[in-house]
Amino acid sequence: MPFPVKTCVVCAEEFELKPDKPGFANRCPSCSEPEAEDASAKEHLDPEMHEARRESDARTPVSQGELTLSGEDDA
């Protein structure tokens, strides 16, 4: 049974949608590649960036309305 033929929403090229195709089902393999690379680059931060983010989060004030403890009700 042949694979379904789809049209890429980015470049309008026709491609076969195979079960092991990485990326989006409505984009050809060449148009799906850059997005996969961008996502993996965002996930990997160096230790200094993680430390800076933790320090920034620790210094950010939380308003009373945002802070809720588990098990508390507004009764």
PDB file of N, CA and C in Angstrom:
ATOM      1  N   MET A   1       0.844  -1.172   0.000  1.00  0.00           N
ATOM      2  CA  MET A   1       0.000   0.000   0.000  1.00  0.00           C
ATOM      3  C   MET A   1       0.892   1.239   0.000  1.00  0.00           C
ATOM      4  N   PRO A   2       0.673   2.147  -0.923  1.00  0.00           N
ATOM      5  CA  PRO A   2       1.526   3.342  -0.996  1.00  0.00           C
ATOM      6  C   PRO A   2       1.216   4.321   0.142  1.00  0.00           C
ATOM      7  N   PHE A   3       2.219   5.136   0.426  1.00  0.00           N
ATOM      8  CA  PHE A   3       2.046   6.161   1.456  1.00  0.00           C
ATOM      9  C   PHE A   3       1.230   7.318   0.879  1.00  0.00           C
ATOM     10  N   PRO A   4       0.463   8.025   1.718  1.00  0.00           N
ATOM     11  CA  PRO A   4      -0.318   9.160   1.204  1.00  0.00           C
ATOM     12  C   PRO A   4       0.602  10.290   0.742  1.00  0.00           C
ATOM     13  N   VAL A   5       0.198  10.924  -0.343  1.00  0.00           N
ATOM     14  CA  VAL A   5       0.963  12.049  -0.879  1.00  0.00           C
ATOM     15  C   VAL A   5       0.370  13.326  -0.304  1.00  0.00           C
ATOM     16  N   LYS A   6       1.213  14.144   0.328  1.00  0.00           N
ATOM     17  CA  LYS A   6       0.799  15.413   0.929  1.00  0.00           C
ATOM     18  C   LYS A   6       1.497  16.553   0.212  1.00  0.00           C
ATOM     19  N   THR A   7       0.980  17.761   0.382  1.00  0.00           N
ATOM     20  CA  THR A   7       1.600  18.964  -0.158  1.00  0.00           C
ATOM     21  C   THR A   7       2.095  19.807   1.001  1.00  0.00           C
ATOM     22  N   CYS A   8       3.351  20.201   0.946  1.00  0.00           N
ATOM     23  CA  CYS A   8       3.974  20.999   1.998  1.00  0.00           C
ATOM     24  C   CYS A   8       3.319  22.375   2.070  1.00  0.00           C
ATOM     25  N   VAL A   9       2.961  22.820   3.268  1.00  0.00           N
ATOM     26  CA  VAL A   9       2.329  24.132   3.438  1.00  0.00           C
ATOM     27  C   VAL A   9       3.336  25.271   3.324  1.00  0.00           C
ATOM     28  N   VAL A  10       4.625  24.958   3.396  1.00  0.00           N
ATOM     29  CA  VAL A  10       5.651  25.991   3.315  1.00  0.00           C
ATOM     30  C   VAL A  10       6.112  26.207   1.874  1.00  0.00           C
ATOM     31  N   CYS A  11       6.512  25.113   1.204  1.00  0.00           N
ATOM     32  CA  CYS A  11       7.098  25.256  -0.131  1.00  0.00           C
ATOM     33  C   CYS A  11       6.220  24.692  -1.243  1.00  0.00           C
ATOM     34  N   ALA A  12       5.079  24.097  -0.907  1.00  0.00           N
ATOM     35  CA  ALA A  12       4.122  23.531  -1.861  1.00  0.00           C
ATOM     36  C   ALA A  12       4.678  22.321  -2.615  1.00  0.00           C
ATOM     37  N   GLU A  13       5.734  21.710  -2.122  1.00  0.00           N
ATOM     38  CA  GLU A  13       6.292  20.507  -2.739  1.00  0.00           C
ATOM     39  C   GLU A  13       5.502  19.287  -2.263  1.00  0.00           C
ATOM     40  N   GLU A  14       5.265  18.334  -3.162  1.00  0.00           N
ATOM     41  CA  GLU A  14       4.575  17.107  -2.784  1.00  0.00           C
ATOM     42  C   GLU A  14       5.578  16.125  -2.193  1.00  0.00           C
ATOM     43  N   PHE A  15       5.152  15.399  -1.171  1.00  0.00           N
ATOM     44  CA  PHE A  15       6.009  14.407  -0.530  1.00  0.00           C
ATOM     45  C   PHE A  15       5.147  13.277  -0.002  1.00  0.00           C
ATOM     46  N   GLU A  16       5.779  12.104   0.204  1.00  0.00           N
ATOM     47  CA  GLU A  16       5.074  10.968   0.774  1.00  0.00           C
ATOM     48  C   GLU A  16       5.144  11.052   2.286  1.00  0.00           C
ATOM     49  N   LEU A  17       4.008  10.929   2.937  1.00  0.00           N
ATOM     50  CA  LEU A  17       3.957  10.967   4.392  1.00  0.00           C
ATOM     51  C   LEU A  17       4.221   9.564   4.921  1.00  0.00           C
ATOM     52  N   LYS A  18       5.441   9.356   5.405  1.00  0.00           N
ATOM     53  CA  LYS A  18       5.846   8.046   5.911  1.00  0.00           C
ATOM     54  C   LYS A  18       5.766   8.037   7.432  1.00  0.00           C
ATOM     55  N   PRO A  19       5.539   6.877   8.039  1.00  0.00           N
ATOM     56  CA  PRO A  19       5.391   6.800   9.500  1.00  0.00           C
ATOM     57  C   PRO A  19       6.610   7.291  10.277  1.00  0.00           C
ATOM     58  N   ASP A  20       7.813   7.142   9.728  1.00  0.00           N
ATOM     59  CA  ASP A  20       9.022   7.534  10.463  1.00  0.00           C
ATOM     60  C   ASP A  20       9.523   8.924  10.086  1.00  0.00           C
ATOM     61  N   LYS A  21       8.694   9.703   9.359  1.00  0.00           N
ATOM     62  CA  LYS A  21       9.113  11.040   8.936  1.00  0.00           C
ATOM     63  C   LYS A  21       9.183  11.972  10.144  1.00  0.00           C
ATOM     64  N   PRO A  22      10.334  12.601  10.377  1.00  0.00           N
ATOM     65  CA  PRO A  22      10.416  13.562  11.488  1.00  0.00           C
ATOM     66  C   PRO A  22       9.736  14.878  11.129  1.00  0.00           C
ATOM     67  N   GLY A  23       9.320  15.610  12.133  1.00  0.00           N
ATOM     68  CA  GLY A  23       8.748  16.933  11.902  1.00  0.00           C
ATOM     69  C   GLY A  23       7.239  16.910  11.790  1.00  0.00           C
ATOM     70  N   PHE A  24       6.709  17.911  11.102  1.00  0.00           N
ATOM     71  CA  PHE A  24       5.273  18.089  10.979  1.00  0.00           C
ATOM     72  C   PHE A  24       4.709  17.252   9.836  1.00  0.00           C
ATOM     73  N   ALA A  25       3.468  16.804   9.980  1.00  0.00           N
ATOM     74  CA  ALA A  25       2.838  15.985   8.954  1.00  0.00           C
ATOM     75  C   ALA A  25       2.454  16.804   7.730  1.00  0.00           C
ATOM     76  N   ASN A  26       2.356  18.121   7.853  1.00  0.00           N
ATOM     77  CA  ASN A  26       1.965  18.951   6.714  1.00  0.00           C
ATOM     78  C   ASN A  26       3.154  19.700   6.108  1.00  0.00           C
ATOM     79  N   ARG A  27       4.380  19.279   6.456  1.00  0.00           N
ATOM     80  CA  ARG A  27       5.590  19.896   5.891  1.00  0.00           C
ATOM     81  C   ARG A  27       6.514  18.818   5.368  1.00  0.00           C
ATOM     82  N   CYS A  28       7.173  19.114   4.259  1.00  0.00           N
ATOM     83  CA  CYS A  28       8.115  18.156   3.685  1.00  0.00           C
ATOM     84  C   CYS A  28       9.326  18.022   4.615  1.00  0.00           C
ATOM     85  N   PRO A  29      10.105  16.956   4.454  1.00  0.00           N
ATOM     86  CA  PRO A  29      11.255  16.760   5.349  1.00  0.00           C
ATOM     87  C   PRO A  29      12.241  17.932   5.357  1.00  0.00           C
ATOM     88  N   SER A  30      12.472  18.567   4.211  1.00  0.00           N
ATOM     89  CA  SER A  30      13.437  19.677   4.192  1.00  0.00           C
ATOM     90  C   SER A  30      12.906  20.912   4.915  1.00  0.00           C
ATOM     91  N   CYS A  31      11.590  21.134   4.920  1.00  0.00           N
ATOM     92  CA  CYS A  31      11.030  22.279   5.638  1.00  0.00           C
ATOM     93  C   CYS A  31      10.848  21.979   7.124  1.00  0.00           C
ATOM     94  N   SER A  32      10.852  20.705   7.509  1.00  0.00           N
ATOM     95  CA  SER A  32      10.710  20.333   8.916  1.00  0.00           C
ATOM     96  C   SER A  32      12.042  20.395   9.656  1.00  0.00           C
ATOM     97  N   GLU A  33      13.147  20.247   8.969  1.00  0.00           N
ATOM     98  CA  GLU A  33      14.462  20.196   9.616  1.00  0.00           C
ATOM     99  C   GLU A  33      14.830  21.433  10.420  1.00  0.00           C
ATOM    100  N   PRO A  34      14.734  22.662   9.897  1.00  0.00           N
ATOM    101  CA  PRO A  34      15.162  23.826  10.684  1.00  0.00           C
ATOM    102  C   PRO A  34      14.424  23.975  12.005  1.00  0.00           C
ATOM    103  N   GLU A  35      13.139  23.667  12.049  1.00  0.00           N
ATOM    104  CA  GLU A  35      12.378  23.790  13.290  1.00  0.00           C
ATOM    105  C   GLU A  35      12.888  22.802  14.329  1.00  0.00           C
ATOM    106  N   ALA A  36      13.233  21.601  13.904  1.00  0.00           N
ATOM    107  CA  ALA A  36      13.746  20.599  14.836  1.00  0.00           C
ATOM    108  C   ALA A  36      15.074  21.059  15.420  1.00  0.00           C
ATOM    109  N   GLU A  37      15.928  21.678  14.607  1.00  0.00           N
ATOM    110  CA  GLU A  37      17.211  22.179  15.094  1.00  0.00           C
ATOM    111  C   GLU A  37      17.012  23.337  16.065  1.00  0.00           C
ATOM    112  N   ASP A  38      16.067  24.238  15.782  1.00  0.00           N
ATOM    113  CA  ASP A  38      15.820  25.377  16.662  1.00  0.00           C
ATOM    114  C   ASP A  38      15.324  24.911  18.026  1.00  0.00           C
ATOM    115  N   ALA A  39      14.451  23.943  18.054  1.00  0.00           N
ATOM    116  CA  ALA A  39      13.895  23.456  19.312  1.00  0.00           C
ATOM    117  C   ALA A  39      14.990  22.827  20.172  1.00  0.00           C
ATOM    118  N   SER A  40      15.890  22.058  19.557  1.00  0.00           N
ATOM    119  CA  SER A  40      16.942  21.424  20.346  1.00  0.00           C
ATOM    120  C   SER A  40      17.954  22.450  20.845  1.00  0.00           C
ATOM    121  N   ALA A  41      18.167  23.517  20.100  1.00  0.00           N
ATOM    122  CA  ALA A  41      19.107  24.548  20.540  1.00  0.00           C
ATOM    123  C   ALA A  41      18.570  25.308  21.744  1.00  0.00           C
ATOM    124  N   LYS A  42      17.257  25.495  21.812  1.00  0.00           N
ATOM    125  CA  LYS A  42      16.657  26.214  22.926  1.00  0.00           C
ATOM    126  C   LYS A  42      16.699  25.395  24.213  1.00  0.00           C
ATOM    127  N   GLU A  43      16.625  24.075  24.097  1.00  0.00           N
ATOM    128  CA  GLU A  43      16.569  23.221  25.275  1.00  0.00           C
ATOM    129  C   GLU A  43      17.906  23.146  26.008  1.00  0.00           C
ATOM    130  N   HIS A  44      19.001  23.278  25.289  1.00  0.00           N
ATOM    131  CA  HIS A  44      20.313  23.095  25.891  1.00  0.00           C
ATOM    132  C   HIS A  44      20.932  24.448  26.247  1.00  0.00           C
ATOM    133  N   LEU A  45      20.883  24.800  27.526  1.00  0.00           N
ATOM    134  CA  LEU A  45      21.505  26.029  27.998  1.00  0.00           C
ATOM    135  C   LEU A  45      22.755  25.659  28.782  1.00  0.00           C
ATOM    136  N   ASP A  46      23.724  26.516  28.731  1.00  0.00           N
ATOM    137  CA  ASP A  46      24.931  26.231  29.502  1.00  0.00           C
ATOM    138  C   ASP A  46      24.661  26.478  30.989  1.00  0.00           C
ATOM    139  N   PRO A  47      25.507  25.955  31.864  1.00  0.00           N
ATOM    140  CA  PRO A  47      25.290  26.080  33.307  1.00  0.00           C
ATOM    141  C   PRO A  47      25.178  27.528  33.784  1.00  0.00           C
ATOM    142  N   GLU A  48      25.920  28.448  33.182  1.00  0.00           N
ATOM    143  CA  GLU A  48      25.838  29.845  33.590  1.00  0.00           C
ATOM    144  C   GLU A  48      24.461  30.433  33.301  1.00  0.00           C
ATOM    145  N   MET A  49      23.843  30.035  32.180  1.00  0.00           N
ATOM    146  CA  MET A  49      22.500  30.518  31.858  1.00  0.00           C
ATOM    147  C   MET A  49      21.482  29.963  32.849  1.00  0.00           C
ATOM    148  N   HIS A  50      21.637  28.686  33.233  1.00  0.00           N
ATOM    149  CA  HIS A  50      20.730  28.117  34.230  1.00  0.00           C
ATOM    150  C   HIS A  50      20.860  28.853  35.562  1.00  0.00           C
ATOM    151  N   GLU A  51      22.079  29.151  35.970  1.00  0.00           N
ATOM    152  CA  GLU A  51      22.316  29.857  37.234  1.00  0.00           C
ATOM    153  C   GLU A  51      21.712  31.255  37.181  1.00  0.00           C
ATOM    154  N   ALA A  52      21.883  31.953  36.068  1.00  0.00           N
ATOM    155  CA  ALA A  52      21.326  33.294  35.931  1.00  0.00           C
ATOM    156  C   ALA A  52      19.800  33.250  35.985  1.00  0.00           C
ATOM    157  N   ARG A  53      19.207  32.246  35.363  1.00  0.00           N
ATOM    158  CA  ARG A  53      17.749  32.125  35.397  1.00  0.00           C
ATOM    159  C   ARG A  53      17.258  31.845  36.812  1.00  0.00           C
ATOM    160  N   ARG A  54      17.954  30.971  37.539  1.00  0.00           N
ATOM    161  CA  ARG A  54      17.559  30.671  38.916  1.00  0.00           C
ATOM    162  C   ARG A  54      17.659  31.908  39.799  1.00  0.00           C
ATOM    163  N   GLU A  55      18.741  32.673  39.657  1.00  0.00           N
ATOM    164  CA  GLU A  55      18.904  33.885  40.456  1.00  0.00           C
ATOM    165  C   GLU A  55      17.823  34.909  40.120  1.00  0.00           C
ATOM    166  N   SER A  56      17.497  35.039  38.842  1.00  0.00           N
ATOM    167  CA  SER A  56      16.465  35.974  38.423  1.00  0.00           C
ATOM    168  C   SER A  56      15.108  35.565  38.982  1.00  0.00           C
ATOM    169  N   ASP A  57      14.800  34.288  38.944  1.00  0.00           N
ATOM    170  CA  ASP A  57      13.527  33.802  39.485  1.00  0.00           C
ATOM    171  C   ASP A  57      13.455  34.006  40.995  1.00  0.00           C
ATOM    172  N   ALA A  58      14.578  33.847  41.682  1.00  0.00           N
ATOM    173  CA  ALA A  58      14.591  34.004  43.131  1.00  0.00           C
ATOM    174  C   ALA A  58      14.369  35.461  43.530  1.00  0.00           C
ATOM    175  N   ARG A  59      14.804  36.407  42.693  1.00  0.00           N
ATOM    176  CA  ARG A  59      14.661  37.824  43.010  1.00  0.00           C
ATOM    177  C   ARG A  59      13.322  38.397  42.580  1.00  0.00           C
ATOM    178  N   THR A  60      12.553  37.664  41.774  1.00  0.00           N
ATOM    179  CA  THR A  60      11.278  38.157  41.278  1.00  0.00           C
ATOM    180  C   THR A  60      10.237  38.078  42.387  1.00  0.00           C
ATOM    181  N   PRO A  61       9.649  39.214  42.775  1.00  0.00           N
ATOM    182  CA  PRO A  61       8.636  39.183  43.838  1.00  0.00           C
ATOM    183  C   PRO A  61       7.350  38.531  43.344  1.00  0.00           C
ATOM    184  N   VAL A  62       6.673  37.860  44.248  1.00  0.00           N
ATOM    185  CA  VAL A  62       5.404  37.219  43.944  1.00  0.00           C
ATOM    186  C   VAL A  62       4.322  37.963  44.699  1.00  0.00           C
ATOM    187  N   SER A  63       3.275  38.373  43.990  1.00  0.00           N
ATOM    188  CA  SER A  63       2.195  39.095  44.660  1.00  0.00           C
ATOM    189  C   SER A  63       1.351  38.121  45.461  1.00  0.00           C
ATOM    190  N   GLN A  64       0.597  38.630  46.438  1.00  0.00           N
ATOM    191  CA  GLN A  64      -0.229  37.806  47.305  1.00  0.00           C
ATOM    192  C   GLN A  64      -1.235  37.005  46.489  1.00  0.00           C
ATOM    193  N   GLY A  65      -1.797  37.570  45.443  1.00  0.00           N
ATOM    194  CA  GLY A  65      -2.803  36.885  44.639  1.00  0.00           C
ATOM    195  C   GLY A  65      -2.254  35.686  43.896  1.00  0.00           C
ATOM    196  N   GLU A  66      -0.964  35.683  43.582  1.00  0.00           N
ATOM    197  CA  GLU A  66      -0.376  34.590  42.830  1.00  0.00           C
ATOM    198  C   GLU A  66       0.051  33.434  43.724  1.00  0.00           C
ATOM    199  N   LEU A  67       0.286  33.685  44.986  1.00  0.00           N
ATOM    200  CA  LEU A  67       0.821  32.672  45.881  1.00  0.00           C
ATOM    201  C   LEU A  67      -0.312  31.891  46.524  1.00  0.00           C
ATOM    202  N   THR A  68      -0.375  30.609  46.240  1.00  0.00           N
ATOM    203  CA  THR A  68      -1.343  29.727  46.885  1.00  0.00           C
ATOM    204  C   THR A  68      -0.626  28.467  47.312  1.00  0.00           C
ATOM    205  N   LEU A  69      -0.957  27.977  48.464  1.00  0.00           N
ATOM    206  CA  LEU A  69      -0.359  26.756  48.969  1.00  0.00           C
ATOM    207  C   LEU A  69      -1.307  25.606  48.709  1.00  0.00           C
ATOM    208  N   SER A  70      -0.753  24.442  48.446  1.00  0.00           N
ATOM    209  CA  SER A  70      -1.614  23.297  48.164  1.00  0.00           C
ATOM    210  C   SER A  70      -2.394  22.933  49.430  1.00  0.00           C
ATOM    211  N   GLY A  71      -3.653  22.590  49.232  1.00  0.00           N
ATOM    212  CA  GLY A  71      -4.505  22.236  50.355  1.00  0.00           C
ATOM    213  C   GLY A  71      -5.283  23.394  50.917  1.00  0.00           C
ATOM    214  N   GLU A  72      -5.001  24.624  50.502  1.00  0.00           N
ATOM    215  CA  GLU A  72      -5.745  25.779  50.998  1.00  0.00           C
ATOM    216  C   GLU A  72      -6.953  26.022  50.130  1.00  0.00           C
ATOM    217  N   ASP A  73      -8.047  26.404  50.730  1.00  0.00           N
ATOM    218  CA  ASP A  73      -9.266  26.766  50.016  1.00  0.00           C
ATOM    219  C   ASP A  73      -9.539  28.244  50.223  1.00  0.00           C
ATOM    220  N   ASP A  74     -10.317  28.821  49.312  1.00  0.00           N
ATOM    221  CA  ASP A  74     -10.670  30.228  49.420  1.00  0.00           C
ATOM    222  C   ASP A  74     -11.960  30.405  50.217  1.00  0.00           C
ATOM    223  N   ALA A  75     -12.226  29.543  51.149  1.00  0.00           N
ATOM    224  CA  ALA A  75     -13.485  29.592  51.915  1.00  0.00           C
ATOM    225  C   ALA A  75     -13.443  30.592  53.029  1.00  0.00           C
TER     226      ALA A  75
END
